[in-house]
Structure formats: C-alpha cells, structure tokens
Amino acid sequence: MTDRFRIVVTDHVSESGLAPLLEDGRFQVTRIDDSATDAFQAALADADGLVVRSATRVTREMLDKGPRLKVVGRAGVGVDNIDLSAATERGIAVLNSPAGNTVAAAELTMALILSVVRRVAEADRSMRAGEWARSRLRGVQLKDRTLGLVGAGRIGSEVANRCRAFGMRVLAYDPYLTAERADDLGLALTGRDEVLAHGDIISLHVPLTDETRHLIDAEALALMKPGAFVVNVSRGGVIDEEALARALTDGHLAGAALDVFESEPLSPESPLLKLPNVVLTPHLGASTVEAQELVAREIAESVRDALALGDLSGSVNSA
C-alpha cells in the first residue's frame, strides 16, 4: 500500500462533504463529473479509489479499466448501479453511505404520502388549467389509518415515527428485523401479506435484490385493500410498473406516489405519466443540501479509512 492514494470522484458529489479526503495529504482527488469522458477513463487507469452517486453505472468493463482500484464508494445507500460480483472477483471493496440521507428520504416519503392522499399535484394542475374543482378533489386524512411498512430499516423506521405523529397505526414487514428491535421501534411486526392486506398506505423501503425485484407484482397488488395507496422511495424495480398502472387504471388502488422507477429517466411512453392519481418525482430521495453533504462526508471517511487504515468494516461485499 502506497503513501499516497489517487481518488476519482464523479456524479457531482458534494465538494464540502469530501473534506476528509481533500484535507488529507495522503490523498489526491480528481473530480470529473461526466464518467463518459476520455478524461475520466484516463484518470481511472491510475486510481486507487472511485466515488460515485447514482448516475454512473460501475460495470465490469469500467472496473477492468481501473487495474489499481481497491475501493468503490457509493455516496448514497443503494449499490444496484455497481456490479458487486465483478468488484468482489477483483478484490475491490464496495462501500456505501447508509445513514446520510435517512432524514431526507423519510421527509420526501411524507411529502409524497400527503401529496397523493390529499391530491395536491392533481389540484395544482387543475388550478393552473383555470379550474376551481373543490368537490372533485376530495382526499382522505391520515389520522386513524394504517401505514403498511415494507422494510423497517433506517428510513422505514423514521417514516413510521412521522406517520405515528399523524395519528396512524403502523404495521411492518421486514424479515431481517427481530421482534425485540421491532418492540424498540414501536412497530407491529407481521407478514408481508398481512401488511399488504391491512395497510391503507403501503410504503416501500427495501433494497433492490433478486429477492425484492417485483416484490410488488400483480398478485401483491391484488392483496391490497380497495382504495389503498402505494408509495415508493426505495428502488424502482421493487414494483412491477405495468401491473401498478393496471391496478390504478381499474380503480383497485386510489393512488400511487413514486420517486424511483425501473428505468431512469422514466420513459415518455410510461403509462404512469397518463394517470391523474399518480405523483411522480425524479429520484429526489437524497436531494437536499444537507443529505448530499452528509452522504459525501460519510463515504469520504469510509474510503479514507479503507485505503489508509485497511478498515473494510463498511464493505457491502465480501472483497
């Protein structure tokens, strides 16, 4: 291991958050915010570490162009844009920032919940069209309704806290959550089907894995009570979007609010764009000033410690 490490940073990672690397004389940081450029490829060839957000797909081919890479850091939670198998084969540790965007994602979830149940986006569009459609735009209140939480990690538990403040009951499904931890969080832990069947609002907070891909498919949607709402601020592939569009079109579901999609950017041909009872945002879960600095600082510290100290405790793969 050398005394000086070269780090390539892309995807507009917060510069102030990178202070742990920028202010440490052992690190040379090169920022190239477009990973498709020749300059990025050239810098990667000599890099010990790579830091990305969600825009860059770290493929096997990209890793092969960085023969010195020891660490790939994701300034955010999800690592589905990184080929974990290829990284592991190469002995490259993949690190993420699991805590930095927790509050931002939980707050966006609440914003989407309130927007869809009170039809805020639809009302805004109506007003801009010159209408005054008070009787048509009747929503529902959160008090005394049930939140069905699918995934009760950092973000899910924060959403549960906020929903309880609105007077909601909370049911949770999380196969990795112990009964003791659920009690500590004040969650009623139950099975997936029970959560789907009894939740008035189903909020998804799970990573995208082989097990969770299309976790919410046509069968799962059919289990939901008529008039339920679905909110997703996790990963787009968790929901079968075509099945969701059908459930919204036929009136089984009252509405949906989505921040993430199976393919991003969302295709102009997506049927979701044509539905008035859907609120759509362009993957804004971590898009606050505070969250961007926090995730950048978190990953900068992890990359620093991994390269300079050999601390791989934050690795999400078995490199």
C-alpha atoms as a PDB file:
ATOM      1  CA  MET A   1       0.000   0.000   0.000  1.00  0.00           C
ATOM      2  CA  THR A   2       1.456   3.345  -1.064  1.00  0.00           C
ATOM      3  CA  ASP A   3       1.739   6.526   0.979  1.00  0.00           C
ATOM      4  CA  ARG A   4      -0.419   8.498  -1.448  1.00  0.00           C
ATOM      5  CA  PHE A   5      -3.740   7.428  -2.914  1.00  0.00           C
ATOM      6  CA  ARG A   6      -5.453   8.639  -6.063  1.00  0.00           C
ATOM      7  CA  ILE A   7      -9.236   9.021  -5.879  1.00  0.00           C
ATOM      8  CA  VAL A   8     -11.549   9.746  -8.806  1.00  0.00           C
ATOM      9  CA  VAL A   9     -14.867  11.370  -7.906  1.00  0.00           C
ATOM     10  CA  THR A  10     -17.759  11.699 -10.352  1.00  0.00           C
ATOM     11  CA  ASP A  11     -21.515  12.476 -10.423  1.00  0.00           C
ATOM     12  CA  HIS A  12     -21.300  15.890  -8.706  1.00  0.00           C
ATOM     13  CA  VAL A  13     -20.587  14.587  -5.213  1.00  0.00           C
ATOM     14  CA  SER A  14     -20.713  17.446  -2.685  1.00  0.00           C
ATOM     15  CA  GLU A  15     -17.273  19.069  -2.537  1.00  0.00           C
ATOM     16  CA  SER A  16     -17.635  20.229   1.071  1.00  0.00           C
ATOM     17  CA  GLY A  17     -18.553  16.687   2.065  1.00  0.00           C
ATOM     18  CA  LEU A  18     -15.312  15.413   0.528  1.00  0.00           C
ATOM     19  CA  ALA A  19     -13.263  17.334   3.099  1.00  0.00           C
ATOM     20  CA  PRO A  20     -11.945  14.149   4.825  1.00  0.00           C
ATOM     21  CA  LEU A  21     -10.149  13.325   1.547  1.00  0.00           C
ATOM     22  CA  LEU A  22      -9.404  16.815   0.259  1.00  0.00           C
ATOM     23  CA  GLU A  23      -7.779  17.906   3.523  1.00  0.00           C
ATOM     24  CA  ASP A  24      -5.724  14.754   3.984  1.00  0.00           C
ATOM     25  CA  GLY A  25      -2.293  14.993   2.362  1.00  0.00           C
ATOM     26  CA  ARG A  26      -2.260  11.280   1.645  1.00  0.00           C
ATOM     27  CA  PHE A  27      -4.984  11.649  -0.993  1.00  0.00           C
ATOM     28  CA  GLN A  28      -5.034  13.160  -4.454  1.00  0.00           C
ATOM     29  CA  VAL A  29      -8.634  13.761  -5.514  1.00  0.00           C
ATOM     30  CA  THR A  30      -9.628  14.211  -9.160  1.00  0.00           C
ATOM     31  CA  ARG A  31     -13.186  15.350  -9.878  1.00  0.00           C
ATOM     32  CA  ILE A  32     -14.596  14.503 -13.305  1.00  0.00           C
ATOM     33  CA  ASP A  33     -18.363  14.750 -13.197  1.00  0.00           C
ATOM     34  CA  ASP A  34     -19.036  13.013 -16.515  1.00  0.00           C
ATOM     35  CA  SER A  35     -17.917   9.392 -16.383  1.00  0.00           C
ATOM     36  CA  ALA A  36     -18.391   9.041 -20.162  1.00  0.00           C
ATOM     37  CA  THR A  37     -15.423  11.301 -20.970  1.00  0.00           C
ATOM     38  CA  ASP A  38     -11.949  10.279 -22.053  1.00  0.00           C
ATOM     39  CA  ALA A  39     -10.570  12.270 -19.120  1.00  0.00           C
ATOM     40  CA  PHE A  40     -12.468  10.039 -16.709  1.00  0.00           C
ATOM     41  CA  GLN A  41     -11.144   6.884 -18.366  1.00  0.00           C
ATOM     42  CA  ALA A  42      -7.592   8.202 -18.187  1.00  0.00           C
ATOM     43  CA  ALA A  43      -7.909   9.139 -14.521  1.00  0.00           C
ATOM     44  CA  LEU A  44      -9.460   5.779 -13.667  1.00  0.00           C
ATOM     45  CA  ALA A  45      -6.418   3.937 -15.007  1.00  0.00           C
ATOM     46  CA  ASP A  46      -4.300   5.212 -12.099  1.00  0.00           C
ATOM     47  CA  ALA A  47      -6.991   5.381  -9.413  1.00  0.00           C
ATOM     48  CA  ASP A  48      -6.903   3.557  -6.087  1.00  0.00           C
ATOM     49  CA  GLY A  49     -10.476   4.565  -5.309  1.00  0.00           C
ATOM     50  CA  LEU A  50     -13.621   5.607  -7.183  1.00  0.00           C
ATOM     51  CA  VAL A  51     -16.522   7.574  -5.659  1.00  0.00           C
ATOM     52  CA  VAL A  52     -19.887   7.767  -7.465  1.00  0.00           C
ATOM     53  CA  ARG A  53     -23.512   8.640  -6.865  1.00  0.00           C
ATOM     54  CA  SER A  54     -26.320   7.009  -8.845  1.00  0.00           C
ATOM     55  CA  ALA A  55     -25.697   8.368 -12.355  1.00  0.00           C
ATOM     56  CA  THR A  56     -22.610   6.265 -13.068  1.00  0.00           C
ATOM     57  CA  ARG A  57     -23.019   2.556 -13.665  1.00  0.00           C
ATOM     58  CA  VAL A  58     -19.909   0.822 -12.380  1.00  0.00           C
ATOM     59  CA  THR A  59     -19.783  -2.165 -14.708  1.00  0.00           C
ATOM     60  CA  ARG A  60     -17.297  -4.985 -15.034  1.00  0.00           C
ATOM     61  CA  GLU A  61     -15.843  -3.179 -18.058  1.00  0.00           C
ATOM     62  CA  MET A  62     -15.342   0.012 -16.061  1.00  0.00           C
ATOM     63  CA  LEU A  63     -13.651  -1.881 -13.241  1.00  0.00           C
ATOM     64  CA  ASP A  64     -11.324  -3.520 -15.758  1.00  0.00           C
ATOM     65  CA  LYS A  65     -10.173  -0.045 -16.806  1.00  0.00           C
ATOM     66  CA  GLY A  66      -9.079   0.653 -13.230  1.00  0.00           C
ATOM     67  CA  PRO A  67      -6.427  -2.027 -12.568  1.00  0.00           C
ATOM     68  CA  ARG A  68      -5.299  -0.334  -9.339  1.00  0.00           C
ATOM     69  CA  LEU A  69      -8.773   0.066  -7.855  1.00  0.00           C
ATOM     70  CA  LYS A  70      -9.109  -1.140  -4.305  1.00  0.00           C
ATOM     71  CA  VAL A  71     -12.295   0.674  -3.286  1.00  0.00           C
ATOM     72  CA  VAL A  72     -15.514   1.863  -4.929  1.00  0.00           C
ATOM     73  CA  GLY A  73     -17.575   4.219  -2.775  1.00  0.00           C
ATOM     74  CA  ARG A  74     -21.240   4.993  -3.357  1.00  0.00           C
ATOM     75  CA  ALA A  75     -22.341   8.367  -1.956  1.00  0.00           C
ATOM     76  CA  GLY A  76     -25.772   7.047  -1.061  1.00  0.00           C
ATOM     77  CA  VAL A  77     -27.456   3.873   0.131  1.00  0.00           C
ATOM     78  CA  GLY A  78     -28.266   1.725  -2.894  1.00  0.00           C
ATOM     79  CA  VAL A  79     -25.458  -0.048  -4.723  1.00  0.00           C
ATOM     80  CA  ASP A  80     -27.516  -1.557  -7.548  1.00  0.00           C
ATOM     81  CA  ASN A  81     -25.591   0.641 -10.017  1.00  0.00           C
ATOM     82  CA  ILE A  82     -22.385  -1.212  -9.089  1.00  0.00           C
ATOM     83  CA  ASP A  83     -21.527  -4.708 -10.313  1.00  0.00           C
ATOM     84  CA  LEU A  84     -20.888  -6.287  -6.912  1.00  0.00           C
ATOM     85  CA  SER A  85     -19.908  -9.666  -8.336  1.00  0.00           C
ATOM     86  CA  ALA A  86     -17.258  -8.162 -10.589  1.00  0.00           C
ATOM     87  CA  ALA A  87     -15.933  -5.996  -7.768  1.00  0.00           C
ATOM     88  CA  THR A  88     -15.714  -8.965  -5.434  1.00  0.00           C
ATOM     89  CA  GLU A  89     -13.899 -11.065  -8.042  1.00  0.00           C
ATOM     90  CA  ARG A  90     -11.356  -8.273  -8.406  1.00  0.00           C
ATOM     91  CA  GLY A  91     -10.956  -7.903  -4.637  1.00  0.00           C
ATOM     92  CA  ILE A  92     -12.438  -4.397  -4.729  1.00  0.00           C
ATOM     93  CA  ALA A  93     -14.342  -3.340  -1.632  1.00  0.00           C
ATOM     94  CA  VAL A  94     -17.673  -1.604  -2.275  1.00  0.00           C
ATOM     95  CA  LEU A  95     -18.680   0.931   0.356  1.00  0.00           C
ATOM     96  CA  ASN A  96     -21.874   2.952   0.724  1.00  0.00           C
ATOM     97  CA  SER A  97     -23.321   5.742   2.880  1.00  0.00           C
ATOM     98  CA  PRO A  98     -26.231   4.113   4.709  1.00  0.00           C
ATOM     99  CA  ALA A  99     -27.089   6.900   7.148  1.00  0.00           C
ATOM    100  CA  GLY A 100     -26.528  10.241   5.435  1.00  0.00           C
ATOM    101  CA  ASN A 101     -29.805  10.514   3.518  1.00  0.00           C
ATOM    102  CA  THR A 102     -32.101   8.915   6.107  1.00  0.00           C
ATOM    103  CA  VAL A 103     -33.942  12.067   7.125  1.00  0.00           C
ATOM    104  CA  ALA A 104     -34.148  13.414   3.578  1.00  0.00           C
ATOM    105  CA  ALA A 105     -35.689  10.183   2.252  1.00  0.00           C
ATOM    106  CA  ALA A 106     -38.110   9.920   5.183  1.00  0.00           C
ATOM    107  CA  GLU A 107     -39.238  13.518   4.717  1.00  0.00           C
ATOM    108  CA  LEU A 108     -39.748  13.012   0.968  1.00  0.00           C
ATOM    109  CA  THR A 109     -41.803   9.916   1.749  1.00  0.00           C
ATOM    110  CA  MET A 110     -44.064  12.002   3.965  1.00  0.00           C
ATOM    111  CA  ALA A 111     -44.309  14.691   1.296  1.00  0.00           C
ATOM    112  CA  LEU A 112     -45.384  12.085  -1.258  1.00  0.00           C
ATOM    113  CA  ILE A 113     -47.854  10.448   1.116  1.00  0.00           C
ATOM    114  CA  LEU A 114     -49.521  13.767   1.865  1.00  0.00           C
ATOM    115  CA  SER A 115     -49.452  14.798  -1.803  1.00  0.00           C
ATOM    116  CA  VAL A 116     -51.166  11.657  -3.029  1.00  0.00           C
ATOM    117  CA  VAL A 117     -53.803  11.284  -0.305  1.00  0.00           C
ATOM    118  CA  ARG A 118     -54.758  14.980  -0.495  1.00  0.00           C
ATOM    119  CA  ARG A 119     -54.381  15.079  -4.298  1.00  0.00           C
ATOM    120  CA  VAL A 120     -52.039  18.057  -4.122  1.00  0.00           C
ATOM    121  CA  ALA A 121     -50.356  17.588  -7.502  1.00  0.00           C
ATOM    122  CA  GLU A 122     -53.672  16.982  -9.225  1.00  0.00           C
ATOM    123  CA  ALA A 123     -55.149  20.080  -7.580  1.00  0.00           C
ATOM    124  CA  ASP A 124     -52.168  22.166  -8.677  1.00  0.00           C
ATOM    125  CA  ARG A 125     -52.589  21.029 -12.280  1.00  0.00           C
ATOM    126  CA  SER A 126     -56.303  21.790 -12.078  1.00  0.00           C
ATOM    127  CA  MET A 127     -55.712  25.305 -10.757  1.00  0.00           C
ATOM    128  CA  ARG A 128     -53.188  26.053 -13.499  1.00  0.00           C
ATOM    129  CA  ALA A 129     -55.817  24.953 -16.027  1.00  0.00           C
ATOM    130  CA  GLY A 130     -58.181  27.626 -14.688  1.00  0.00           C
ATOM    131  CA  GLU A 131     -60.415  25.275 -12.685  1.00  0.00           C
ATOM    132  CA  TRP A 132     -61.777  25.517  -9.153  1.00  0.00           C
ATOM    133  CA  ALA A 133     -62.638  21.821  -8.623  1.00  0.00           C
ATOM    134  CA  ARG A 134     -63.083  21.598  -4.856  1.00  0.00           C
ATOM    135  CA  SER A 135     -65.772  18.917  -4.940  1.00  0.00           C
ATOM    136  CA  ARG A 136     -63.857  16.688  -7.362  1.00  0.00           C
ATOM    137  CA  LEU A 137     -60.568  16.841  -5.478  1.00  0.00           C
ATOM    138  CA  ARG A 138     -61.651  15.330  -2.192  1.00  0.00           C
ATOM    139  CA  GLY A 139     -58.896  13.425  -0.409  1.00  0.00           C
ATOM    140  CA  VAL A 140     -58.566  11.362   2.760  1.00  0.00           C
ATOM    141  CA  GLN A 141     -56.884  12.094   6.074  1.00  0.00           C
ATOM    142  CA  LEU A 142     -54.082  10.097   7.674  1.00  0.00           C
ATOM    143  CA  LYS A 143     -55.395  10.005  11.234  1.00  0.00           C
ATOM    144  CA  ASP A 144     -56.713   6.557  12.226  1.00  0.00           C
ATOM    145  CA  ARG A 145     -55.483   4.977   9.005  1.00  0.00           C
ATOM    146  CA  THR A 146     -52.872   2.213   8.791  1.00  0.00           C
ATOM    147  CA  LEU A 147     -49.389   2.517   7.352  1.00  0.00           C
ATOM    148  CA  GLY A 148     -48.177  -0.754   5.864  1.00  0.00           C
ATOM    149  CA  LEU A 149     -44.403  -0.575   6.045  1.00  0.00           C
ATOM    150  CA  VAL A 150     -42.420  -2.920   3.789  1.00  0.00           C
ATOM    151  CA  GLY A 151     -38.873  -2.629   5.089  1.00  0.00           C
ATOM    152  CA  ALA A 152     -38.196  -1.153   8.510  1.00  0.00           C
ATOM    153  CA  GLY A 153     -34.551  -0.155   8.415  1.00  0.00           C
ATOM    154  CA  ARG A 154     -33.236   3.360   8.997  1.00  0.00           C
ATOM    155  CA  ILE A 155     -35.572   5.115   6.571  1.00  0.00           C
ATOM    156  CA  GLY A 156     -38.601   2.917   7.155  1.00  0.00           C
ATOM    157  CA  SER A 157     -38.444   3.370  10.921  1.00  0.00           C
ATOM    158  CA  GLU A 158     -38.130   7.154  10.514  1.00  0.00           C
ATOM    159  CA  VAL A 159     -41.217   7.138   8.271  1.00  0.00           C
ATOM    160  CA  ALA A 160     -43.057   5.111  10.915  1.00  0.00           C
ATOM    161  CA  ASN A 161     -42.203   7.713  13.569  1.00  0.00           C
ATOM    162  CA  ARG A 162     -43.548  10.512  11.422  1.00  0.00           C
ATOM    163  CA  CYS A 163     -46.719   8.630  10.500  1.00  0.00           C
ATOM    164  CA  ARG A 164     -47.454   7.903  14.156  1.00  0.00           C
ATOM    165  CA  ALA A 165     -47.238  11.645  14.766  1.00  0.00           C
ATOM    166  CA  PHE A 166     -50.127  11.963  12.293  1.00  0.00           C
ATOM    167  CA  GLY A 167     -52.176   9.501  14.343  1.00  0.00           C
ATOM    168  CA  MET A 168     -51.604   6.479  12.109  1.00  0.00           C
ATOM    169  CA  ARG A 169     -51.263   2.844  13.111  1.00  0.00           C
ATOM    170  CA  VAL A 170     -48.162   1.091  11.762  1.00  0.00           C
ATOM    171  CA  LEU A 171     -47.823  -2.494  10.566  1.00  0.00           C
ATOM    172  CA  ALA A 172     -44.385  -3.592   9.393  1.00  0.00           C
ATOM    173  CA  TYR A 173     -42.912  -6.410   7.345  1.00  0.00           C
ATOM    174  CA  ASP A 174     -39.163  -6.913   7.480  1.00  0.00           C
ATOM    175  CA  PRO A 175     -37.709 -10.443   7.505  1.00  0.00           C
ATOM    176  CA  TYR A 176     -34.428  -9.117   8.920  1.00  0.00           C
ATOM    177  CA  LEU A 177     -35.975  -7.256  11.852  1.00  0.00           C
ATOM    178  CA  THR A 178     -36.060  -9.075  15.186  1.00  0.00           C
ATOM    179  CA  ALA A 179     -39.109  -8.967  17.406  1.00  0.00           C
ATOM    180  CA  GLU A 180     -37.039  -7.220  20.071  1.00  0.00           C
ATOM    181  CA  ARG A 181     -35.920  -4.499  17.675  1.00  0.00           C
ATOM    182  CA  ALA A 182     -39.490  -4.086  16.412  1.00  0.00           C
ATOM    183  CA  ASP A 183     -40.643  -3.556  20.006  1.00  0.00           C
ATOM    184  CA  ASP A 184     -37.911  -0.958  20.499  1.00  0.00           C
ATOM    185  CA  LEU A 185     -39.149   0.859  17.389  1.00  0.00           C
ATOM    186  CA  GLY A 186     -42.793   0.536  18.383  1.00  0.00           C
ATOM    187  CA  LEU A 187     -43.677  -1.474  15.285  1.00  0.00           C
ATOM    188  CA  ALA A 188     -46.295  -4.208  14.970  1.00  0.00           C
ATOM    189  CA  LEU A 189     -44.267  -6.804  13.076  1.00  0.00           C
ATOM    190  CA  THR A 190     -46.230  -9.141  10.813  1.00  0.00           C
ATOM    191  CA  GLY A 191     -46.078 -10.939   7.452  1.00  0.00           C
ATOM    192  CA  ARG A 192     -45.911  -9.340   4.032  1.00  0.00           C
ATOM    193  CA  ASP A 193     -49.404 -10.423   3.001  1.00  0.00           C
ATOM    194  CA  GLU A 194     -50.894  -9.072   6.240  1.00  0.00           C
ATOM    195  CA  VAL A 195     -49.201  -5.713   5.719  1.00  0.00           C
ATOM    196  CA  LEU A 196     -50.483  -5.518   2.143  1.00  0.00           C
ATOM    197  CA  ALA A 197     -53.996  -6.583   3.100  1.00  0.00           C
ATOM    198  CA  HIS A 198     -54.439  -4.182   6.021  1.00  0.00           C
ATOM    199  CA  GLY A 199     -52.422  -1.125   5.046  1.00  0.00           C
ATOM    200  CA  ASP A 200     -54.240   1.958   3.800  1.00  0.00           C
ATOM    201  CA  ILE A 201     -50.902   3.296   2.624  1.00  0.00           C
ATOM    202  CA  ILE A 202     -48.155   0.878   1.606  1.00  0.00           C
ATOM    203  CA  SER A 203     -44.695   2.448   1.833  1.00  0.00           C
ATOM    204  CA  LEU A 204     -41.696   0.580   0.436  1.00  0.00           C
ATOM    205  CA  HIS A 205     -38.218   0.834   1.952  1.00  0.00           C
ATOM    206  CA  VAL A 206     -36.182  -2.144   0.741  1.00  0.00           C
ATOM    207  CA  PRO A 207     -33.023  -2.507  -1.363  1.00  0.00           C
ATOM    208  CA  LEU A 208     -33.232  -3.915  -4.875  1.00  0.00           C
ATOM    209  CA  THR A 209     -32.056  -7.530  -4.811  1.00  0.00           C
ATOM    210  CA  ASP A 210     -33.029 -10.736  -6.580  1.00  0.00           C
ATOM    211  CA  GLU A 211     -35.462 -11.352  -3.723  1.00  0.00           C
ATOM    212  CA  THR A 212     -37.112  -7.917  -3.844  1.00  0.00           C
ATOM    213  CA  ARG A 213     -37.295  -7.386  -7.607  1.00  0.00           C
ATOM    214  CA  HIS A 214     -41.016  -7.090  -8.432  1.00  0.00           C
ATOM    215  CA  LEU A 215     -41.843  -7.804  -4.798  1.00  0.00           C
ATOM    216  CA  ILE A 216     -44.947  -5.736  -5.532  1.00  0.00           C
ATOM    217  CA  ASP A 217     -46.339  -7.538  -8.569  1.00  0.00           C
ATOM    218  CA  ALA A 218     -49.896  -8.108  -9.815  1.00  0.00           C
ATOM    219  CA  GLU A 219     -50.525 -10.716  -7.128  1.00  0.00           C
ATOM    220  CA  ALA A 220     -49.269  -8.461  -4.358  1.00  0.00           C
ATOM    221  CA  LEU A 221     -51.292  -5.519  -5.654  1.00  0.00           C
ATOM    222  CA  ALA A 222     -54.429  -7.672  -5.669  1.00  0.00           C
ATOM    223  CA  LEU A 223     -53.899  -8.364  -1.968  1.00  0.00           C
ATOM    224  CA  MET A 224     -54.113  -4.666  -1.153  1.00  0.00           C
ATOM    225  CA  LYS A 225     -57.394  -3.308   0.066  1.00  0.00           C
ATOM    226  CA  PRO A 226     -59.517  -1.383  -2.439  1.00  0.00           C
ATOM    227  CA  GLY A 227     -58.706   2.306  -2.230  1.00  0.00           C
ATOM    228  CA  ALA A 228     -55.183   1.824  -0.869  1.00  0.00           C
ATOM    229  CA  PHE A 229     -52.206   3.976  -1.848  1.00  0.00           C
ATOM    230  CA  VAL A 230     -48.669   2.838  -2.748  1.00  0.00           C
ATOM    231  CA  VAL A 231     -45.576   4.967  -2.108  1.00  0.00           C
ATOM    232  CA  ASN A 232     -42.069   4.026  -3.258  1.00  0.00           C
ATOM    233  CA  VAL A 233     -38.914   5.936  -2.318  1.00  0.00           C
ATOM    234  CA  SER A 234     -36.658   2.854  -2.337  1.00  0.00           C
ATOM    235  CA  ARG A 235     -35.797   1.343  -5.733  1.00  0.00           C
ATOM    236  CA  GLY A 236     -37.930   1.269  -8.865  1.00  0.00           C
ATOM    237  CA  GLY A 237     -37.502  -2.413  -9.634  1.00  0.00           C
ATOM    238  CA  VAL A 238     -39.310  -3.338  -6.428  1.00  0.00           C
ATOM    239  CA  ILE A 239     -42.616  -2.598  -8.204  1.00  0.00           C
ATOM    240  CA  ASP A 240     -43.915  -4.095 -11.439  1.00  0.00           C
ATOM    241  CA  GLU A 241     -44.875  -0.769 -13.008  1.00  0.00           C
ATOM    242  CA  GLU A 242     -47.166  -2.246 -15.668  1.00  0.00           C
ATOM    243  CA  ALA A 243     -49.117  -4.133 -13.019  1.00  0.00           C
ATOM    244  CA  LEU A 244     -49.270  -0.992 -10.885  1.00  0.00           C
ATOM    245  CA  ALA A 245     -50.623   1.035 -13.800  1.00  0.00           C
ATOM    246  CA  ARG A 246     -53.367  -1.557 -14.328  1.00  0.00           C
ATOM    247  CA  ALA A 247     -54.325  -1.534 -10.644  1.00  0.00           C
ATOM    248  CA  LEU A 248     -54.563   2.257 -10.727  1.00  0.00           C
ATOM    249  CA  THR A 249     -56.465   2.350 -14.017  1.00  0.00           C
ATOM    250  CA  ASP A 250     -59.090  -0.193 -12.967  1.00  0.00           C
ATOM    251  CA  GLY A 251     -59.708   1.664  -9.701  1.00  0.00           C
ATOM    252  CA  HIS A 252     -58.473  -1.016  -7.326  1.00  0.00           C
ATOM    253  CA  LEU A 253     -55.902   1.421  -5.911  1.00  0.00           C
ATOM    254  CA  ALA A 254     -56.721   5.037  -5.131  1.00  0.00           C
ATOM    255  CA  GLY A 255     -53.293   6.366  -5.999  1.00  0.00           C
ATOM    256  CA  ALA A 256     -49.531   5.978  -6.031  1.00  0.00           C
ATOM    257  CA  ALA A 257     -46.538   8.228  -5.414  1.00  0.00           C
ATOM    258  CA  LEU A 258     -43.194   7.192  -6.889  1.00  0.00           C
ATOM    259  CA  ASP A 259     -39.725   8.677  -6.641  1.00  0.00           C
ATOM    260  CA  VAL A 260     -37.919   5.752  -8.300  1.00  0.00           C
ATOM    261  CA  PHE A 261     -38.522   3.732 -11.453  1.00  0.00           C
ATOM    262  CA  GLU A 262     -37.492   0.509 -13.147  1.00  0.00           C
ATOM    263  CA  SER A 263     -35.726   2.533 -15.828  1.00  0.00           C
ATOM    264  CA  GLU A 264     -34.416   6.005 -15.091  1.00  0.00           C
ATOM    265  CA  PRO A 265     -35.093   8.523 -16.515  1.00  0.00           C
ATOM    266  CA  LEU A 266     -38.706   7.403 -16.797  1.00  0.00           C
ATOM    267  CA  SER A 267     -39.679   6.611 -20.379  1.00  0.00           C
ATOM    268  CA  PRO A 268     -42.056   9.115 -22.040  1.00  0.00           C
ATOM    269  CA  GLU A 269     -44.086   6.048 -23.005  1.00  0.00           C
ATOM    270  CA  SER A 270     -44.721   5.005 -19.392  1.00  0.00           C
ATOM    271  CA  PRO A 271     -48.450   4.589 -18.697  1.00  0.00           C
ATOM    272  CA  LEU A 272     -47.855   6.131 -15.273  1.00  0.00           C
ATOM    273  CA  LEU A 273     -47.441   9.546 -16.892  1.00  0.00           C
ATOM    274  CA  LYS A 274     -51.022   9.457 -18.149  1.00  0.00           C
ATOM    275  CA  LEU A 275     -52.657   8.704 -14.789  1.00  0.00           C
ATOM    276  CA  PRO A 276     -54.009  11.649 -12.770  1.00  0.00           C
ATOM    277  CA  ASN A 277     -53.874   9.742  -9.471  1.00  0.00           C
ATOM    278  CA  VAL A 278     -50.086   9.303  -9.559  1.00  0.00           C
ATOM    279  CA  VAL A 279     -47.468  11.674  -8.128  1.00  0.00           C
ATOM    280  CA  LEU A 280     -44.044  11.335  -9.767  1.00  0.00           C
ATOM    281  CA  THR A 281     -40.694  12.798  -8.726  1.00  0.00           C
ATOM    282  CA  PRO A 282     -37.273  12.231 -10.398  1.00  0.00           C
ATOM    283  CA  HIS A 283     -35.403  10.236  -7.720  1.00  0.00           C
ATOM    284  CA  LEU A 284     -35.187  13.064  -5.191  1.00  0.00           C
ATOM    285  CA  GLY A 285     -34.870  10.948  -2.042  1.00  0.00           C
ATOM    286  CA  ALA A 286     -31.404  12.240  -1.163  1.00  0.00           C
ATOM    287  CA  SER A 287     -31.698  15.569  -2.963  1.00  0.00           C
ATOM    288  CA  THR A 288     -31.335  18.012  -0.120  1.00  0.00           C
ATOM    289  CA  VAL A 289     -28.319  20.198   0.576  1.00  0.00           C
ATOM    290  CA  GLU A 290     -27.880  18.539   3.954  1.00  0.00           C
ATOM    291  CA  ALA A 291     -28.177  14.961   2.702  1.00  0.00           C
ATOM    292  CA  GLN A 292     -25.728  15.470  -0.145  1.00  0.00           C
ATOM    293  CA  GLU A 293     -23.087  16.793   2.219  1.00  0.00           C
ATOM    294  CA  LEU A 294     -23.740  14.048   4.775  1.00  0.00           C
ATOM    295  CA  VAL A 295     -23.503  11.151   2.300  1.00  0.00           C
ATOM    296  CA  ALA A 296     -20.377  12.667   0.733  1.00  0.00           C
ATOM    297  CA  ARG A 297     -18.697  13.045   4.115  1.00  0.00           C
ATOM    298  CA  GLU A 298     -19.737   9.548   5.164  1.00  0.00           C
ATOM    299  CA  ILE A 299     -18.313   7.925   2.032  1.00  0.00           C
ATOM    300  CA  ALA A 300     -15.193  10.113   2.086  1.00  0.00           C
ATOM    301  CA  GLU A 301     -14.429   8.943   5.618  1.00  0.00           C
ATOM    302  CA  SER A 302     -15.070   5.315   4.687  1.00  0.00           C
ATOM    303  CA  VAL A 303     -12.821   5.485   1.596  1.00  0.00           C
ATOM    304  CA  ARG A 304     -10.099   7.225   3.598  1.00  0.00           C
ATOM    305  CA  ASP A 305     -10.187   4.624   6.356  1.00  0.00           C
ATOM    306  CA  ALA A 306     -10.332   1.710   3.910  1.00  0.00           C
ATOM    307  CA  LEU A 307      -7.274   2.817   1.951  1.00  0.00           C
ATOM    308  CA  ALA A 308      -5.154   4.385   4.681  1.00  0.00           C
ATOM    309  CA  LEU A 309      -6.056   2.087   7.588  1.00  0.00           C
ATOM    310  CA  GLY A 310      -7.285  -1.073   5.892  1.00  0.00           C
ATOM    311  CA  ASP A 311     -10.662  -0.679   7.612  1.00  0.00           C
ATOM    312  CA  LEU A 312     -13.222  -2.509   5.456  1.00  0.00           C
ATOM    313  CA  SER A 313     -15.911  -2.769   8.116  1.00  0.00           C
ATOM    314  CA  GLY A 314     -18.287  -0.759   5.937  1.00  0.00           C
ATOM    315  CA  SER A 315     -17.918  -3.015   2.898  1.00  0.00           C
ATOM    316  CA  VAL A 316     -21.180  -4.324   1.431  1.00  0.00           C
ATOM    317  CA  ASN A 317     -19.455  -7.142  -0.461  1.00  0.00           C
ATOM    318  CA  SER A 318     -17.013  -9.844   0.548  1.00  0.00           C
ATOM    319  CA  ALA A 319     -13.951  -8.334  -1.121  1.00  0.00           C
END
